Every structure is written in C-alpha cells, then in structure tokens.
Amino acid sequence: MAKDLTPHQQKIVSRYYDNRDQIDDQRLAELVTSIYLAKPASKQLEKLWTSAGETMERLKIPASRVSHVMEKRDPSVLAEVVKELQTGVLKRETGK
C-alpha cells in the first residue's frame, strides 16, 4: 500500500502516526462529552462506550483501570481518567 502513496501522502500518514497519542487523548476527552449528552440506553451510547474502551487500550491505560471504567459505565469515572492523563498522574503501561 505504501507504494501507492505519493511522498506527500506518506508524510501526512507518518505525521498522523507520530501524533497518534495526542489525537487519542483529544478523542477520549471528546467521548466524555458525547457520552454525557447521549440518550440513555441507546445504540449510540453503546458505540461511544466501545470507542472509549478501544481508545483507552490504544493509549495503553492499565487494563485494570480500563475494565473498571467499562464496568461502571459512568461518564464521571471516564472524565477522571482523562483528567489524570492530562495532568500526568495516570501512567501508561509500557512494553506491549
């Protein structure tokens, strides 16, 4: 696939992956807002929670914390994770 991309496109893709952590941090913060505003017990809410779980895994948040957030399904718990990520209190897993 990389052969199909122009050098300009390759640079764009490279920069995207270089900044993936920042993009995912922002995405998780946006998901908190979307989850707060979603209608209870809707398909949209389930998709948002699924996306939040996937994003936390990509961010290498400790598995125990991800499972806790996903069990509670409480936007305030997810918001606390975002706050801890942004302030540097929550350390990401290494070596996966």
C-alpha atoms as a PDB file:
ATOM      1  CA  MET A   1       0.000   0.000   0.000  1.00  0.00           C
ATOM      2  CA  ALA A   2       2.838   2.410   0.774  1.00  0.00           C
ATOM      3  CA  LYS A   3       3.884   2.159  -2.867  1.00  0.00           C
ATOM      4  CA  ASP A   4       0.521   3.624  -3.875  1.00  0.00           C
ATOM      5  CA  LEU A   5       1.049   6.791  -1.859  1.00  0.00           C
ATOM      6  CA  THR A   6       2.837   9.878  -3.112  1.00  0.00           C
ATOM      7  CA  PRO A   7       5.705  11.199  -0.982  1.00  0.00           C
ATOM      8  CA  HIS A   8       3.394  13.981   0.218  1.00  0.00           C
ATOM      9  CA  GLN A   9       0.754  11.461   1.299  1.00  0.00           C
ATOM     10  CA  GLN A  10       3.396   9.335   3.020  1.00  0.00           C
ATOM     11  CA  LYS A  11       4.442  12.356   5.092  1.00  0.00           C
ATOM     12  CA  ILE A  12       0.824  13.004   6.077  1.00  0.00           C
ATOM     13  CA  VAL A  13       0.355   9.397   7.191  1.00  0.00           C
ATOM     14  CA  SER A  14       3.665   9.475   9.049  1.00  0.00           C
ATOM     15  CA  ARG A  15       2.731  12.662  10.933  1.00  0.00           C
ATOM     16  CA  TYR A  16      -0.632  11.160  11.836  1.00  0.00           C
ATOM     17  CA  TYR A  17       1.002   8.165  13.493  1.00  0.00           C
ATOM     18  CA  ASP A  18       3.676  10.351  15.102  1.00  0.00           C
ATOM     19  CA  ASN A  19       0.883  12.304  16.813  1.00  0.00           C
ATOM     20  CA  ARG A  20      -1.481   9.384  17.491  1.00  0.00           C
ATOM     21  CA  ASP A  21      -1.225   9.701  21.284  1.00  0.00           C
ATOM     22  CA  GLN A  22      -2.251  13.355  21.239  1.00  0.00           C
ATOM     23  CA  ILE A  23      -5.069  12.591  18.815  1.00  0.00           C
ATOM     24  CA  ASP A  24      -6.316   9.770  21.069  1.00  0.00           C
ATOM     25  CA  ASP A  25      -6.056  11.975  24.173  1.00  0.00           C
ATOM     26  CA  GLN A  26      -8.269  14.549  22.476  1.00  0.00           C
ATOM     27  CA  ARG A  27     -10.653  11.858  21.204  1.00  0.00           C
ATOM     28  CA  LEU A  28     -11.108  10.441  24.708  1.00  0.00           C
ATOM     29  CA  ALA A  29     -11.911  13.891  26.081  1.00  0.00           C
ATOM     30  CA  GLU A  30     -14.466  14.397  23.308  1.00  0.00           C
ATOM     31  CA  LEU A  31     -16.003  10.996  24.058  1.00  0.00           C
ATOM     32  CA  VAL A  32     -16.676  12.072  27.659  1.00  0.00           C
ATOM     33  CA  THR A  33     -18.790  14.945  26.391  1.00  0.00           C
ATOM     34  CA  SER A  34     -20.581  12.784  23.840  1.00  0.00           C
ATOM     35  CA  ILE A  35     -21.344  10.133  26.457  1.00  0.00           C
ATOM     36  CA  TYR A  36     -22.752  12.754  28.851  1.00  0.00           C
ATOM     37  CA  LEU A  37     -25.034  14.060  26.087  1.00  0.00           C
ATOM     38  CA  ALA A  38     -26.136  10.720  24.613  1.00  0.00           C
ATOM     39  CA  LYS A  39     -29.581   9.350  25.324  1.00  0.00           C
ATOM     40  CA  PRO A  40     -29.575   6.609  27.986  1.00  0.00           C
ATOM     41  CA  ALA A  41     -29.767   3.006  26.738  1.00  0.00           C
ATOM     42  CA  SER A  42     -29.286   3.956  23.086  1.00  0.00           C
ATOM     43  CA  LYS A  43     -27.217   2.286  20.382  1.00  0.00           C
ATOM     44  CA  GLN A  44     -25.232   5.487  20.071  1.00  0.00           C
ATOM     45  CA  LEU A  45     -24.263   5.324  23.749  1.00  0.00           C
ATOM     46  CA  GLU A  46     -23.067   1.736  23.378  1.00  0.00           C
ATOM     47  CA  LYS A  47     -20.940   2.689  20.372  1.00  0.00           C
ATOM     48  CA  LEU A  48     -19.441   5.597  22.297  1.00  0.00           C
ATOM     49  CA  TRP A  49     -18.515   3.356  25.230  1.00  0.00           C
ATOM     50  CA  THR A  50     -16.987   0.807  22.851  1.00  0.00           C
ATOM     51  CA  SER A  51     -14.969   3.562  21.232  1.00  0.00           C
ATOM     52  CA  ALA A  52     -13.865   4.830  24.661  1.00  0.00           C
ATOM     53  CA  GLY A  53     -12.644   1.344  25.606  1.00  0.00           C
ATOM     54  CA  GLU A  54     -10.703   0.971  22.355  1.00  0.00           C
ATOM     55  CA  THR A  55      -9.175   4.418  22.742  1.00  0.00           C
ATOM     56  CA  MET A  56      -8.077   3.720  26.319  1.00  0.00           C
ATOM     57  CA  GLU A  57      -6.448   0.470  25.168  1.00  0.00           C
ATOM     58  CA  ARG A  58      -4.606   2.305  22.369  1.00  0.00           C
ATOM     59  CA  LEU A  59      -3.423   4.841  24.939  1.00  0.00           C
ATOM     60  CA  LYS A  60      -2.023   1.924  26.980  1.00  0.00           C
ATOM     61  CA  ILE A  61      -4.009   2.760  30.075  1.00  0.00           C
ATOM     62  CA  PRO A  62      -3.607  -0.066  32.609  1.00  0.00           C
ATOM     63  CA  ALA A  63      -6.029  -2.906  31.854  1.00  0.00           C
ATOM     64  CA  SER A  64      -7.411  -2.901  35.399  1.00  0.00           C
ATOM     65  CA  ARG A  65      -8.367   0.762  35.027  1.00  0.00           C
ATOM     66  CA  VAL A  66      -9.951   0.197  31.608  1.00  0.00           C
ATOM     67  CA  SER A  67     -12.028  -2.701  32.918  1.00  0.00           C
ATOM     68  CA  HIS A  68     -13.113  -0.623  35.942  1.00  0.00           C
ATOM     69  CA  VAL A  69     -14.277   2.242  33.712  1.00  0.00           C
ATOM     70  CA  MET A  70     -16.041  -0.124  31.329  1.00  0.00           C
ATOM     71  CA  GLU A  71     -17.799  -1.946  34.199  1.00  0.00           C
ATOM     72  CA  LYS A  72     -19.022   1.281  35.810  1.00  0.00           C
ATOM     73  CA  ARG A  73     -20.029   2.956  32.540  1.00  0.00           C
ATOM     74  CA  ASP A  74     -20.079   6.232  34.425  1.00  0.00           C
ATOM     75  CA  PRO A  75     -19.027   9.314  32.441  1.00  0.00           C
ATOM     76  CA  SER A  76     -17.590  10.936  35.575  1.00  0.00           C
ATOM     77  CA  VAL A  77     -15.217   7.966  36.033  1.00  0.00           C
ATOM     78  CA  LEU A  78     -14.109   8.304  32.409  1.00  0.00           C
ATOM     79  CA  ALA A  79     -13.699  12.058  32.903  1.00  0.00           C
ATOM     80  CA  GLU A  80     -11.419  11.344  35.866  1.00  0.00           C
ATOM     81  CA  VAL A  81      -9.232   9.142  33.640  1.00  0.00           C
ATOM     82  CA  VAL A  82      -8.984  11.960  31.096  1.00  0.00           C
ATOM     83  CA  LYS A  83      -8.078  14.433  33.837  1.00  0.00           C
ATOM     84  CA  GLU A  84      -5.392  12.114  35.208  1.00  0.00           C
ATOM     85  CA  LEU A  85      -3.976  11.578  31.708  1.00  0.00           C
ATOM     86  CA  GLN A  86      -3.811  15.302  31.039  1.00  0.00           C
ATOM     87  CA  THR A  87      -2.133  16.076  34.362  1.00  0.00           C
ATOM     88  CA  GLY A  88       0.302  13.164  34.099  1.00  0.00           C
ATOM     89  CA  VAL A  89      -0.967  11.392  37.224  1.00  0.00           C
ATOM     90  CA  LEU A  90      -2.043   8.273  35.307  1.00  0.00           C
ATOM     91  CA  LYS A  91       0.945   6.383  33.964  1.00  0.00           C
ATOM     92  CA  ARG A  92       0.603   4.383  30.783  1.00  0.00           C
ATOM     93  CA  GLU A  93       1.641   0.753  30.513  1.00  0.00           C
ATOM     94  CA  THR A  94       4.907   0.052  28.741  1.00  0.00           C
ATOM     95  CA  GLY A  95       6.251  -2.875  26.772  1.00  0.00           C
ATOM     96  CA  LYS A  96       3.271  -4.187  24.817  1.00  0.00           C
END
